[in-house]
Amino acid sequence: MVIRQLLGADSKHIESVPVLETFQGQTVCEGVVEVFDLQNRPKAKRCYAWSAGKGNQEKFTAVLELPPAISPKTAVQTSIVGCNSPFPGGVVRRTIPTAESEEFNHG
């Protein structure tokens, strides 16, 4: 349901992948990236998604599997770099009410 809200596509949950991203010895991102196959998306057949925060402050990020984002780790890296870009191609961030996000882990 969250993937449909973020990307406008139906999806199927494939796997959950732990990711640890560091920079100069400091942890930048540590968590689990959910991998989804997308339906009816001609440019990207897969996406990587995760959430951060809790309750009304929970934000969801989805990154389309488009180079350079070709794995859970590179999706996180693309998202971090995309934060500093006015046009973060393939990266979608949105706050979704908690009741609507309950199906996040299962498409």
C-alpha atoms as a PDB file:
ATOM      1  CA  MET A   1       0.000   0.000   0.000  1.00  0.00           C
ATOM      2  CA  VAL A   2       2.807   2.461   0.852  1.00  0.00           C
ATOM      3  CA  ILE A   3       4.646   1.685  -2.387  1.00  0.00           C
ATOM      4  CA  ARG A   4       1.452   2.420  -4.319  1.00  0.00           C
ATOM      5  CA  GLN A   5       1.140   5.750  -2.478  1.00  0.00           C
ATOM      6  CA  LEU A   6       4.785   6.666  -3.039  1.00  0.00           C
ATOM      7  CA  LEU A   7       5.257   5.470  -6.609  1.00  0.00           C
ATOM      8  CA  GLY A   8       1.770   4.868  -8.002  1.00  0.00           C
ATOM      9  CA  ALA A   9       2.537   1.206  -8.723  1.00  0.00           C
ATOM     10  CA  ASP A  10       1.461  -2.133  -7.335  1.00  0.00           C
ATOM     11  CA  SER A  11       4.281  -4.162  -5.829  1.00  0.00           C
ATOM     12  CA  LYS A  12       5.322  -7.498  -4.410  1.00  0.00           C
ATOM     13  CA  HIS A  13       7.626  -7.702  -1.393  1.00  0.00           C
ATOM     14  CA  ILE A  14      10.761  -9.732  -2.264  1.00  0.00           C
ATOM     15  CA  GLU A  15      13.089  -9.480   0.727  1.00  0.00           C
ATOM     16  CA  SER A  16      14.366  -7.433   3.662  1.00  0.00           C
ATOM     17  CA  VAL A  17      18.065  -6.519   3.597  1.00  0.00           C
ATOM     18  CA  PRO A  18      20.034  -5.039   6.519  1.00  0.00           C
ATOM     19  CA  VAL A  19      22.135  -2.044   5.450  1.00  0.00           C
ATOM     20  CA  LEU A  20      24.868  -0.176   7.307  1.00  0.00           C
ATOM     21  CA  GLU A  21      26.237   2.924   5.603  1.00  0.00           C
ATOM     22  CA  THR A  22      29.206   4.757   7.121  1.00  0.00           C
ATOM     23  CA  PHE A  23      31.172   7.860   6.186  1.00  0.00           C
ATOM     24  CA  GLN A  24      34.573   8.644   7.697  1.00  0.00           C
ATOM     25  CA  GLY A  25      33.993   6.033  10.394  1.00  0.00           C
ATOM     26  CA  GLN A  26      30.594   7.394  11.440  1.00  0.00           C
ATOM     27  CA  THR A  27      27.286   5.583  10.915  1.00  0.00           C
ATOM     28  CA  VAL A  28      25.141   7.559   8.473  1.00  0.00           C
ATOM     29  CA  CYS A  29      22.342   5.039   8.056  1.00  0.00           C
ATOM     30  CA  GLU A  30      21.620   1.716   9.730  1.00  0.00           C
ATOM     31  CA  GLY A  31      18.422  -0.214   9.181  1.00  0.00           C
ATOM     32  CA  VAL A  32      16.511  -2.571   6.963  1.00  0.00           C
ATOM     33  CA  VAL A  33      15.763  -1.874   3.311  1.00  0.00           C
ATOM     34  CA  GLU A  34      12.682  -3.564   1.872  1.00  0.00           C
ATOM     35  CA  VAL A  35      12.982  -4.776  -1.722  1.00  0.00           C
ATOM     36  CA  PHE A  36       9.885  -4.767  -3.944  1.00  0.00           C
ATOM     37  CA  ASP A  37       9.193  -5.878  -7.502  1.00  0.00           C
ATOM     38  CA  LEU A  38       7.071  -3.264  -9.276  1.00  0.00           C
ATOM     39  CA  GLN A  39       4.222  -3.873 -11.669  1.00  0.00           C
ATOM     40  CA  ASN A  40       3.415  -1.588 -14.612  1.00  0.00           C
ATOM     41  CA  ARG A  41       6.510   0.592 -14.262  1.00  0.00           C
ATOM     42  CA  PRO A  42       8.260   0.617 -17.639  1.00  0.00           C
ATOM     43  CA  LYS A  43      11.492   2.301 -16.495  1.00  0.00           C
ATOM     44  CA  ALA A  44      12.061   0.426 -13.232  1.00  0.00           C
ATOM     45  CA  LYS A  45      11.045  -3.131 -12.393  1.00  0.00           C
ATOM     46  CA  ARG A  46      12.153  -2.926  -8.745  1.00  0.00           C
ATOM     47  CA  CYS A  47      12.415  -0.428  -5.893  1.00  0.00           C
ATOM     48  CA  TYR A  48      14.052  -0.203  -2.487  1.00  0.00           C
ATOM     49  CA  ALA A  49      12.188   1.335   0.440  1.00  0.00           C
ATOM     50  CA  TRP A  50      12.554   2.087   4.143  1.00  0.00           C
ATOM     51  CA  SER A  51      11.080   4.240   6.843  1.00  0.00           C
ATOM     52  CA  ALA A  52      12.554   6.481   9.517  1.00  0.00           C
ATOM     53  CA  GLY A  53      10.941   8.072  12.546  1.00  0.00           C
ATOM     54  CA  LYS A  54       7.849   7.049  14.450  1.00  0.00           C
ATOM     55  CA  GLY A  55       4.153   7.912  14.515  1.00  0.00           C
ATOM     56  CA  ASN A  56       3.209  11.142  12.757  1.00  0.00           C
ATOM     57  CA  GLN A  57       6.892  11.858  12.074  1.00  0.00           C
ATOM     58  CA  GLU A  58       7.492   8.607  10.171  1.00  0.00           C
ATOM     59  CA  LYS A  59       8.854   9.282   6.699  1.00  0.00           C
ATOM     60  CA  PHE A  60       9.023   6.711   3.938  1.00  0.00           C
ATOM     61  CA  THR A  61      11.662   6.706   1.242  1.00  0.00           C
ATOM     62  CA  ALA A  62      11.472   4.727  -1.991  1.00  0.00           C
ATOM     63  CA  VAL A  63      14.229   4.596  -4.576  1.00  0.00           C
ATOM     64  CA  LEU A  64      13.643   3.188  -8.036  1.00  0.00           C
ATOM     65  CA  GLU A  65      16.140   0.595  -9.256  1.00  0.00           C
ATOM     66  CA  LEU A  66      17.798   2.845 -11.814  1.00  0.00           C
ATOM     67  CA  PRO A  67      21.582   3.349 -12.035  1.00  0.00           C
ATOM     68  CA  PRO A  68      23.346   4.144  -9.804  1.00  0.00           C
ATOM     69  CA  ALA A  69      20.734   2.642  -7.419  1.00  0.00           C
ATOM     70  CA  ILE A  70      21.066  -1.044  -8.290  1.00  0.00           C
ATOM     71  CA  SER A  71      21.059  -2.637  -4.808  1.00  0.00           C
ATOM     72  CA  PRO A  72      19.745  -1.845  -1.321  1.00  0.00           C
ATOM     73  CA  LYS A  73      23.126  -0.318  -0.362  1.00  0.00           C
ATOM     74  CA  THR A  74      23.424   1.859  -3.468  1.00  0.00           C
ATOM     75  CA  ALA A  75      19.768   2.923  -3.047  1.00  0.00           C
ATOM     76  CA  VAL A  76      20.621   4.270   0.414  1.00  0.00           C
ATOM     77  CA  GLN A  77      23.707   6.003  -0.989  1.00  0.00           C
ATOM     78  CA  THR A  78      21.633   7.525  -3.812  1.00  0.00           C
ATOM     79  CA  SER A  79      19.083   8.756  -1.284  1.00  0.00           C
ATOM     80  CA  ILE A  80      21.766  10.394   0.860  1.00  0.00           C
ATOM     81  CA  VAL A  81      23.306  12.152  -2.139  1.00  0.00           C
ATOM     82  CA  GLY A  82      19.814  13.022  -3.428  1.00  0.00           C
ATOM     83  CA  CYS A  83      19.104  14.968  -0.217  1.00  0.00           C
ATOM     84  CA  ASN A  84      21.589  17.561  -1.449  1.00  0.00           C
ATOM     85  CA  SER A  85      20.209  17.720  -4.976  1.00  0.00           C
ATOM     86  CA  PRO A  86      17.269  19.860  -6.105  1.00  0.00           C
ATOM     87  CA  PHE A  87      16.200  17.042  -8.466  1.00  0.00           C
ATOM     88  CA  PRO A  88      16.871  13.667  -6.778  1.00  0.00           C
ATOM     89  CA  GLY A  89      15.927  11.422  -9.704  1.00  0.00           C
ATOM     90  CA  GLY A  90      14.244   8.195  -8.666  1.00  0.00           C
ATOM     91  CA  VAL A  91      14.020   9.125  -4.961  1.00  0.00           C
ATOM     92  CA  VAL A  92      10.607   9.706  -3.370  1.00  0.00           C
ATOM     93  CA  ARG A  93      10.121  10.766   0.268  1.00  0.00           C
ATOM     94  CA  ARG A  94       6.787  11.281   1.947  1.00  0.00           C
ATOM     95  CA  THR A  95       5.158  11.228   5.378  1.00  0.00           C
ATOM     96  CA  ILE A  96       2.180   8.857   5.359  1.00  0.00           C
ATOM     97  CA  PRO A  97      -0.289   8.572   8.265  1.00  0.00           C
ATOM     98  CA  THR A  98       0.516   5.524  10.402  1.00  0.00           C
ATOM     99  CA  ALA A  99      -2.835   3.788   9.795  1.00  0.00           C
ATOM    100  CA  GLU A 100      -2.148   3.843   6.066  1.00  0.00           C
ATOM    101  CA  SER A 101       1.393   2.506   6.409  1.00  0.00           C
ATOM    102  CA  GLU A 102       0.671  -0.760   8.241  1.00  0.00           C
ATOM    103  CA  GLU A 103       1.128  -2.849   5.117  1.00  0.00           C
ATOM    104  CA  PHE A 104       4.598  -1.439   4.347  1.00  0.00           C
ATOM    105  CA  ASN A 105       6.508  -4.673   4.798  1.00  0.00           C
ATOM    106  CA  HIS A 106       4.216  -6.656   2.547  1.00  0.00           C
ATOM    107  CA  GLY A 107       3.464  -4.323  -0.367  1.00  0.00           C
END
